[in-house]
Amino acid sequence: MRIFCINGSSITETDALPAQWPTTLTEGAYYWIACARREFEVQQAQVQATLQTLCGTALVDLHITDLLNNQLPSHYDYTSQYDLLVFRRLAAGQRETDLNQPGVPLHTSAAPHPYAKPASGNLKRSGPPVLHRIDTSPVGFAIFDRVLLTIHPTDCAVRDAYASKLLHAISAESRAAGVRLPASPPDLMLRIVNQMVDGYLELRRELTHQLDHWQTELLDPSGRFNNWKLMLDTRLSLHMLDEICEDQRAAVQDWTEALETWPDGATPAAQRERELLKVRSRDVLEHIERVVHHVRRLEQSAETAVQMHFSVQSHRTNDIMRTLTALTAVFLPLNLITGFFGMNFDFLPLIHTVTGFWSAALAMVLLATGVSLVFWRKRYLARTGR
């Protein structure tokens, strides 16, 4: 568990729930409580008590169930005291944890705990290697006025990366560069979601390169593509990824629409903060649109590559059949001549002459050459370019 107190330009961090919390916070200060899903499950009572102390309310039971559900799709919900956003991440890797030591990842060689839940929420472990590294486990956000509670998968790289970025933002260099800390829990939530979406955008180049390689293999006339099971699994994984991105977009759209219903700020600073939240929400939505567009383009590229492969195979078959038909047409008159002179009659032209064989052979050669030249001019025997 990582807990941050963000107060203007200062940040303090702790790794455990304090025994005593301040009953009041300075203007603009708030907490970010980030814990793993198993950790939240074990320390649920302490977290609820903390929220009751800081915010005067706790999470309802249904929302706790949502935050603990590792199969839940992205969605948005709200109450009069807080908002809830579940967002399936597109990030790298996931490791399980032990309930006896919440928040501590298990080693791959360690035996699983008898009550540990299996890993879930990932794409099908097939297809290109880059798809294996895309973990789609959900991340939960409970957004209060002065607290942001985030529920992450174990050893979440997104949480740690943004925490490092947050701590770096208070350095002298960042201040000189004009780096601005999140001003409120909704602002912090949107920044984390934006980083989660951008994490997939960094992986798209490798995924595109892998599919382009398969397209080259599919369209190679001299190749024999046999990774059909892998191609089918990839198409299924991309289709699942498309559904996940659609749920992400719907959740962020619901959040954006709910943001429009918030009361206007009483001060110009509050109104400006409200406008900045709207701008950042639209920016996150635009990034998700880019992911959706890219995933659909990859799906279409895979489908088009398969269709083009069969078109190329059909073209190759037609080319071979054309060549065989032309060769058959060349030798068909020769078979007619040999069949004619092969009849068992005593009186046939040229059958009893010395020059009969050579005359027939010359006629056959001239006929075959003439037909071959005609077919060559019509490009029936010409090689097609690859």
Protein backbone atom coordinates (compact mmCIF):
# COMPACT_ATOMS: atom_id res chain seq x y z
CA MET A 1 0.00 0.00 0.00
CA ARG A 2 1.21 3.48 -0.86
CA ILE A 3 -0.40 6.58 0.63
CA PHE A 4 0.37 10.10 -0.57
CA CYS A 5 -0.68 13.39 0.96
CA ILE A 6 -0.61 16.03 -1.77
CA ASN A 7 -0.68 19.55 -0.41
CA GLY A 8 -0.04 22.25 -2.95
CA SER A 9 3.57 21.81 -4.02
CA SER A 10 4.54 19.25 -1.37
CA ILE A 11 4.02 15.49 -1.21
CA THR A 12 4.48 13.15 1.71
CA GLU A 13 4.30 9.36 1.42
CA THR A 14 3.73 6.44 3.76
CA ASP A 15 3.27 2.72 3.14
CA ALA A 16 0.69 1.96 5.85
CA LEU A 17 -2.57 3.39 7.14
CA PRO A 18 -1.75 5.80 9.99
CA ALA A 19 -3.30 5.15 13.35
CA GLN A 20 -4.50 8.76 13.54
CA TRP A 21 -5.64 10.93 10.66
CA PRO A 22 -5.95 14.70 10.76
CA THR A 23 -9.58 15.66 11.03
CA THR A 24 -9.07 18.68 8.77
CA LEU A 25 -6.89 19.35 5.74
CA THR A 26 -5.56 22.59 4.42
CA GLU A 27 -7.24 24.09 1.39
CA GLY A 28 -6.41 22.10 -1.75
CA ALA A 29 -4.81 19.17 0.09
CA TYR A 30 -6.01 15.60 -0.44
CA TYR A 31 -4.91 11.97 -0.07
CA TRP A 32 -4.16 9.30 -2.62
CA ILE A 33 -4.51 5.80 -1.16
CA ALA A 34 -3.22 3.18 -3.61
CA CYS A 35 -3.39 -0.47 -2.66
CA ALA A 36 -3.42 -3.86 -4.34
CA ARG A 37 -6.69 -5.71 -4.80
CA ARG A 38 -5.77 -8.51 -2.38
CA GLU A 39 -4.48 -5.92 0.06
CA PHE A 40 -7.78 -4.07 -0.08
CA GLU A 41 -9.65 -7.32 0.44
CA VAL A 42 -7.68 -8.15 3.58
CA GLN A 43 -7.62 -4.61 5.03
CA GLN A 44 -11.13 -3.68 3.96
CA ALA A 45 -12.28 -2.70 7.45
CA GLN A 46 -9.31 -0.38 8.03
CA VAL A 47 -9.76 1.30 4.65
CA GLN A 48 -13.48 1.80 5.29
CA ALA A 49 -12.72 3.33 8.68
CA THR A 50 -10.17 5.63 7.06
CA LEU A 51 -12.69 6.81 4.46
CA GLN A 52 -15.27 7.38 7.21
CA THR A 53 -12.77 9.50 9.13
CA LEU A 54 -11.51 11.56 6.20
CA CYS A 55 -14.68 11.87 4.09
CA GLY A 56 -17.51 11.23 6.49
CA THR A 57 -18.70 8.29 4.37
CA ALA A 58 -17.54 4.83 3.34
CA LEU A 59 -17.90 2.71 0.23
CA VAL A 60 -21.19 0.91 -0.25
CA ASP A 61 -21.14 -2.88 -0.34
CA LEU A 62 -21.90 -3.17 -4.05
CA HIS A 63 -19.00 -0.90 -4.94
CA ILE A 64 -16.67 -2.92 -2.73
CA THR A 65 -17.73 -6.00 -4.68
CA ASP A 66 -17.01 -4.17 -7.93
CA LEU A 67 -13.55 -3.15 -6.77
CA LEU A 68 -12.72 -6.72 -5.76
CA ASN A 69 -14.07 -8.26 -8.97
CA ASN A 70 -11.19 -9.03 -11.32
CA GLN A 71 -13.55 -9.77 -14.23
CA LEU A 72 -15.58 -6.58 -14.16
CA PRO A 73 -15.60 -4.54 -17.41
CA SER A 74 -14.86 -0.84 -17.45
CA HIS A 75 -17.80 1.17 -16.17
CA TYR A 76 -18.75 4.30 -14.23
CA ASP A 77 -21.07 4.70 -11.24
CA TYR A 78 -21.69 7.35 -8.63
CA THR A 79 -23.34 8.23 -5.33
CA SER A 80 -24.05 11.59 -3.75
CA GLN A 81 -20.75 11.40 -1.82
CA TYR A 82 -18.29 9.92 -4.35
CA ASP A 83 -17.81 8.64 -7.90
CA LEU A 84 -16.62 5.17 -8.88
CA LEU A 85 -14.73 4.37 -12.07
CA VAL A 86 -13.52 0.88 -13.00
CA PHE A 87 -11.06 0.99 -15.86
CA ARG A 88 -9.48 -2.10 -17.40
CA ARG A 89 -5.84 -1.32 -17.94
CA LEU A 90 -3.77 -2.15 -21.00
CA ALA A 91 -0.40 -2.65 -19.39
CA ALA A 92 2.43 -5.16 -19.11
CA GLY A 93 2.45 -8.18 -16.85
CA GLN A 94 0.72 -9.33 -13.71
CA ARG A 95 1.93 -11.36 -10.77
CA GLU A 96 -0.17 -12.92 -8.06
CA THR A 97 0.09 -12.22 -4.34
CA ASP A 98 -0.38 -14.27 -1.19
CA LEU A 99 -3.31 -13.47 1.06
CA ASN A 100 -1.12 -14.07 4.10
CA GLN A 101 1.17 -11.28 2.85
CA PRO A 102 -1.10 -8.87 0.96
CA GLY A 103 0.66 -6.70 -1.53
CA VAL A 104 3.72 -8.94 -1.75
CA PRO A 105 3.97 -10.67 -5.16
CA LEU A 106 4.47 -14.40 -5.33
CA HIS A 107 7.56 -15.75 -7.06
CA THR A 108 6.82 -17.80 -10.12
CA SER A 109 8.38 -20.87 -8.50
CA ALA A 110 6.43 -20.58 -5.26
CA ALA A 111 3.46 -22.83 -4.59
CA PRO A 112 0.10 -21.04 -4.78
CA HIS A 113 -1.78 -20.29 -1.63
CA PRO A 114 -4.79 -22.64 -1.17
CA TYR A 115 -7.17 -19.67 -1.01
CA ALA A 116 -5.46 -17.55 -3.62
CA LYS A 117 -7.55 -16.64 -6.62
CA PRO A 118 -6.22 -17.44 -10.06
CA ALA A 119 -5.04 -14.67 -12.34
CA SER A 120 -7.77 -13.48 -14.66
CA GLY A 121 -8.77 -10.58 -16.78
CA ASN A 122 -6.00 -11.05 -19.32
CA LEU A 123 -6.20 -11.56 -23.01
CA LYS A 124 -6.01 -15.10 -24.25
CA ARG A 125 -2.40 -16.25 -23.91
CA SER A 126 -1.85 -16.77 -27.60
CA GLY A 127 -1.02 -14.77 -30.67
CA PRO A 128 2.03 -12.52 -31.02
CA PRO A 129 4.30 -12.23 -27.96
CA VAL A 130 3.32 -8.59 -27.52
CA LEU A 131 -0.27 -9.69 -26.84
CA HIS A 132 1.02 -11.90 -24.05
CA ARG A 133 2.31 -8.82 -22.25
CA ILE A 134 -0.95 -6.86 -22.38
CA ASP A 135 -2.66 -7.30 -19.03
CA THR A 136 -6.28 -6.12 -18.97
CA SER A 137 -6.97 -6.43 -15.24
CA PRO A 138 -9.31 -3.71 -13.94
CA VAL A 139 -8.16 -0.76 -11.84
CA GLY A 140 -10.75 0.78 -9.54
CA PHE A 141 -11.02 4.47 -8.65
CA ALA A 142 -13.16 5.77 -5.78
CA ILE A 143 -13.15 9.57 -6.11
CA PHE A 144 -14.04 11.56 -3.01
CA ASP A 145 -13.70 15.29 -2.40
CA ARG A 146 -10.43 14.91 -0.49
CA VAL A 147 -9.43 11.29 -1.13
CA LEU A 148 -8.66 9.20 -4.19
CA LEU A 149 -8.75 5.48 -3.45
CA THR A 150 -7.27 3.31 -6.21
CA ILE A 151 -7.39 -0.49 -6.27
CA HIS A 152 -4.69 -1.97 -8.50
CA PRO A 153 -3.56 -5.43 -9.52
CA THR A 154 -0.61 -6.73 -7.55
CA ASP A 155 2.72 -5.09 -8.32
CA CYS A 156 1.03 -2.61 -10.65
CA ALA A 157 3.60 -0.93 -12.89
CA VAL A 158 1.16 1.87 -13.75
CA ARG A 159 0.76 2.85 -10.10
CA ASP A 160 4.49 2.75 -9.40
CA ALA A 161 5.35 4.63 -12.59
CA TYR A 162 2.92 7.44 -11.87
CA ALA A 163 3.97 7.57 -8.22
CA SER A 164 7.57 8.09 -9.36
CA LYS A 165 6.41 10.74 -11.78
CA LEU A 166 4.45 12.43 -9.01
CA LEU A 167 7.44 12.49 -6.66
CA HIS A 168 9.67 13.79 -9.45
CA ALA A 169 7.22 16.63 -10.11
CA ILE A 170 8.18 18.33 -6.83
CA SER A 171 11.84 18.54 -7.77
CA ALA A 172 13.43 21.88 -8.59
CA GLU A 173 13.88 20.97 -12.24
CA SER A 174 10.21 20.06 -12.65
CA ARG A 175 9.08 23.24 -10.93
CA ALA A 176 11.32 25.27 -13.19
CA ALA A 177 9.84 23.50 -16.21
CA GLY A 178 6.33 24.41 -15.08
CA VAL A 179 5.21 20.88 -14.14
CA ARG A 180 1.93 21.15 -12.25
CA LEU A 181 0.79 18.68 -9.60
CA PRO A 182 -2.76 17.28 -9.81
CA ALA A 183 -4.99 19.79 -8.10
CA SER A 184 -7.72 17.38 -6.94
CA PRO A 185 -8.59 13.67 -6.78
CA PRO A 186 -10.51 13.80 -10.11
CA ASP A 187 -7.49 15.43 -11.77
CA LEU A 188 -5.19 12.75 -10.37
CA MET A 189 -7.57 10.01 -11.52
CA LEU A 190 -7.66 11.35 -15.08
CA ARG A 191 -3.88 11.55 -15.22
CA ILE A 192 -3.50 7.95 -14.09
CA VAL A 193 -6.11 6.78 -16.62
CA ASN A 194 -4.35 8.74 -19.34
CA GLN A 195 -1.05 7.04 -18.48
CA MET A 196 -2.78 3.65 -18.59
CA VAL A 197 -4.10 4.35 -22.08
CA ASP A 198 -0.76 5.68 -23.28
CA GLY A 199 0.86 2.45 -22.09
CA TYR A 200 -0.92 0.58 -24.88
CA LEU A 201 -0.01 3.22 -27.44
CA GLU A 202 3.64 2.42 -26.71
CA LEU A 203 3.03 -1.27 -27.49
CA ARG A 204 1.21 -0.73 -30.76
CA ARG A 205 4.37 -0.35 -32.87
CA GLU A 206 5.58 -3.84 -31.94
CA LEU A 207 2.15 -5.34 -32.50
CA THR A 208 1.87 -3.63 -35.89
CA HIS A 209 5.33 -4.90 -36.84
CA GLN A 210 4.34 -8.47 -35.95
CA LEU A 211 1.15 -8.34 -38.04
CA ASP A 212 3.02 -6.75 -40.94
CA HIS A 213 5.48 -9.65 -40.79
CA TRP A 214 2.60 -12.11 -41.00
CA GLN A 215 1.11 -10.21 -43.92
CA THR A 216 4.42 -10.52 -45.75
CA GLU A 217 4.42 -14.27 -45.12
CA LEU A 218 0.81 -14.60 -46.22
CA LEU A 219 1.46 -12.77 -49.48
CA ASP A 220 4.74 -14.52 -50.29
CA PRO A 221 4.06 -16.62 -53.45
CA SER A 222 6.91 -18.99 -52.66
CA GLY A 223 6.08 -19.35 -48.96
CA ARG A 224 3.86 -21.86 -47.22
CA PHE A 225 2.11 -20.12 -44.32
CA ASN A 226 1.03 -22.63 -41.66
CA ASN A 227 0.48 -20.50 -38.52
CA TRP A 228 -3.29 -20.51 -38.96
CA LYS A 229 -3.97 -21.37 -35.31
CA LEU A 230 -1.80 -18.46 -34.21
CA MET A 231 -3.51 -16.13 -36.69
CA LEU A 232 -6.97 -17.18 -35.48
CA ASP A 233 -5.97 -16.68 -31.85
CA THR A 234 -4.62 -13.25 -32.70
CA ARG A 235 -7.86 -12.23 -34.38
CA LEU A 236 -9.83 -13.41 -31.34
CA SER A 237 -7.48 -11.51 -29.00
CA LEU A 238 -7.82 -8.35 -31.07
CA HIS A 239 -11.59 -8.70 -31.04
CA MET A 240 -11.52 -9.02 -27.24
CA LEU A 241 -9.22 -6.00 -27.05
CA ASP A 242 -11.70 -4.05 -29.18
CA GLU A 243 -14.50 -4.88 -26.73
CA ILE A 244 -12.36 -3.80 -23.80
CA CYS A 245 -11.57 -0.49 -25.49
CA GLU A 246 -15.26 0.07 -26.22
CA ASP A 247 -16.05 -0.41 -22.52
CA GLN A 248 -13.26 2.01 -21.65
CA ARG A 249 -14.67 4.62 -23.98
CA ALA A 250 -18.20 4.18 -22.62
CA ALA A 251 -16.96 4.52 -19.02
CA VAL A 252 -15.02 7.72 -19.73
CA GLN A 253 -17.95 9.13 -21.70
CA ASP A 254 -20.24 8.48 -18.73
CA TRP A 255 -17.72 10.22 -16.47
CA THR A 256 -17.55 13.19 -18.83
CA GLU A 257 -21.33 13.49 -18.96
CA ALA A 258 -21.51 13.29 -15.16
CA LEU A 259 -18.88 16.02 -14.93
CA GLU A 260 -21.21 18.33 -16.85
CA THR A 261 -23.81 17.99 -14.08
CA TRP A 262 -21.45 19.12 -11.32
CA PRO A 263 -22.36 22.49 -9.79
CA ASP A 264 -20.39 25.48 -10.98
CA GLY A 265 -17.51 26.60 -8.82
CA ALA A 266 -18.10 29.43 -6.40
CA THR A 267 -14.78 31.10 -7.22
CA PRO A 268 -12.94 31.76 -10.50
CA ALA A 269 -10.24 29.28 -9.42
CA ALA A 270 -12.85 26.57 -8.87
CA GLN A 271 -14.45 27.31 -12.23
CA ARG A 272 -11.07 27.13 -13.93
CA GLU A 273 -10.37 23.81 -12.21
CA ARG A 274 -13.70 22.52 -13.46
CA GLU A 275 -12.84 23.55 -17.02
CA LEU A 276 -9.43 21.89 -16.75
CA LEU A 277 -11.13 18.65 -15.68
CA LYS A 278 -13.37 18.81 -18.74
CA VAL A 279 -10.38 19.41 -21.01
CA ARG A 280 -8.42 16.54 -19.48
CA SER A 281 -11.45 14.24 -19.71
CA ARG A 282 -11.79 15.01 -23.42
CA ASP A 283 -8.07 14.41 -23.87
CA VAL A 284 -8.32 10.99 -22.20
CA LEU A 285 -11.32 10.17 -24.37
CA GLU A 286 -9.37 11.17 -27.48
CA HIS A 287 -6.51 8.86 -26.49
CA ILE A 288 -8.96 6.01 -26.03
CA GLU A 289 -10.40 6.78 -29.46
CA ARG A 290 -6.90 6.41 -30.89
CA VAL A 291 -6.54 3.02 -29.22
CA VAL A 292 -9.94 1.90 -30.55
CA HIS A 293 -9.03 3.10 -34.04
CA HIS A 294 -5.69 1.31 -33.93
CA VAL A 295 -7.16 -1.97 -32.66
CA ARG A 296 -9.85 -1.93 -35.34
CA ARG A 297 -7.26 -1.18 -37.99
CA LEU A 298 -5.24 -4.17 -36.81
CA GLU A 299 -8.35 -6.35 -36.96
CA GLN A 300 -9.08 -5.17 -40.49
CA SER A 301 -5.45 -5.67 -41.49
CA ALA A 302 -5.47 -9.26 -40.21
CA GLU A 303 -8.76 -9.98 -41.98
CA THR A 304 -7.56 -8.33 -45.18
CA ALA A 305 -4.28 -10.26 -45.08
CA VAL A 306 -6.14 -13.57 -44.83
CA GLN A 307 -8.45 -12.64 -47.70
CA MET A 308 -5.52 -11.51 -49.82
CA HIS A 309 -3.70 -14.74 -49.01
CA PHE A 310 -6.54 -16.82 -50.40
CA SER A 311 -6.81 -14.48 -53.37
CA VAL A 312 -3.11 -14.99 -54.08
CA GLN A 313 -3.52 -18.75 -53.72
CA SER A 314 -6.47 -18.65 -56.10
CA HIS A 315 -4.43 -16.58 -58.56
CA ARG A 316 -1.56 -19.06 -58.34
CA THR A 317 -3.96 -21.93 -58.97
CA ASN A 318 -5.46 -20.14 -61.98
CA ASP A 319 -1.96 -19.40 -63.28
CA ILE A 320 -0.96 -23.08 -63.00
CA MET A 321 -4.19 -24.25 -64.62
CA ARG A 322 -3.71 -21.77 -67.47
CA THR A 323 -0.20 -23.07 -68.10
CA LEU A 324 -1.33 -26.69 -67.99
CA THR A 325 -4.23 -25.92 -70.33
CA ALA A 326 -1.89 -24.20 -72.79
CA LEU A 327 0.53 -27.15 -72.74
CA THR A 328 -2.35 -29.53 -73.27
CA ALA A 329 -3.51 -27.45 -76.25
CA VAL A 330 0.02 -27.60 -77.70
CA PHE A 331 0.26 -31.40 -77.51
CA LEU A 332 -3.36 -32.13 -78.42
CA PRO A 333 -2.78 -31.80 -82.24
CA LEU A 334 0.33 -33.97 -81.87
CA ASN A 335 -1.73 -36.66 -80.17
CA LEU A 336 -4.24 -36.38 -83.02
CA ILE A 337 -1.51 -36.93 -85.63
CA THR A 338 0.02 -39.88 -83.79
CA GLY A 339 -3.43 -41.36 -83.29
CA PHE A 340 -4.26 -40.96 -86.97
CA PHE A 341 -1.13 -42.72 -88.19
CA GLY A 342 -1.49 -45.32 -85.48
CA MET A 343 -4.68 -46.75 -86.95
CA ASN A 344 -4.38 -50.34 -88.23
CA PHE A 345 -5.15 -49.77 -91.92
CA ASP A 346 -2.97 -50.87 -94.82
CA PHE A 347 -3.64 -47.85 -97.02
CA LEU A 348 -2.73 -44.61 -95.20
CA PRO A 349 -0.92 -41.61 -96.72
CA LEU A 350 2.87 -41.64 -96.13
CA ILE A 351 2.63 -44.93 -94.26
CA HIS A 352 4.70 -46.92 -96.74
CA THR A 353 7.12 -44.24 -97.95
CA VAL A 354 10.71 -43.65 -96.84
CA THR A 355 10.08 -40.01 -96.03
CA GLY A 356 6.73 -40.55 -94.30
CA PHE A 357 8.09 -40.56 -90.75
CA TRP A 358 10.22 -37.47 -91.27
CA SER A 359 7.36 -35.64 -92.96
CA ALA A 360 5.01 -36.39 -90.08
CA ALA A 361 7.68 -35.46 -87.49
CA LEU A 362 8.38 -32.15 -89.29
CA ALA A 363 4.69 -31.34 -89.44
CA MET A 364 4.33 -32.09 -85.73
CA VAL A 365 7.29 -29.86 -84.85
CA LEU A 366 6.00 -27.01 -87.02
CA LEU A 367 2.51 -27.35 -85.59
CA ALA A 368 3.75 -27.41 -81.96
CA THR A 369 6.03 -24.45 -82.60
CA GLY A 370 3.26 -22.43 -84.23
CA VAL A 371 0.77 -23.09 -81.45
CA SER A 372 3.43 -22.31 -78.81
CA LEU A 373 4.23 -18.99 -80.50
CA VAL A 374 0.56 -18.07 -80.64
CA PHE A 375 0.13 -18.86 -76.93
CA TRP A 376 3.32 -16.97 -76.06
CA ARG A 377 2.10 -13.86 -77.88
CA LYS A 378 -1.17 -14.11 -75.99
CA ARG A 379 0.87 -14.50 -72.77
CA TYR A 380 -0.67 -17.85 -71.95
CA LEU A 381 2.80 -19.29 -71.34
CA ALA A 382 4.42 -16.13 -69.92
CA ARG A 383 5.48 -15.98 -66.25
CA THR A 384 3.48 -13.56 -64.13
CA GLY A 385 5.41 -11.12 -61.96
CA ARG A 386 5.50 -11.85 -58.24
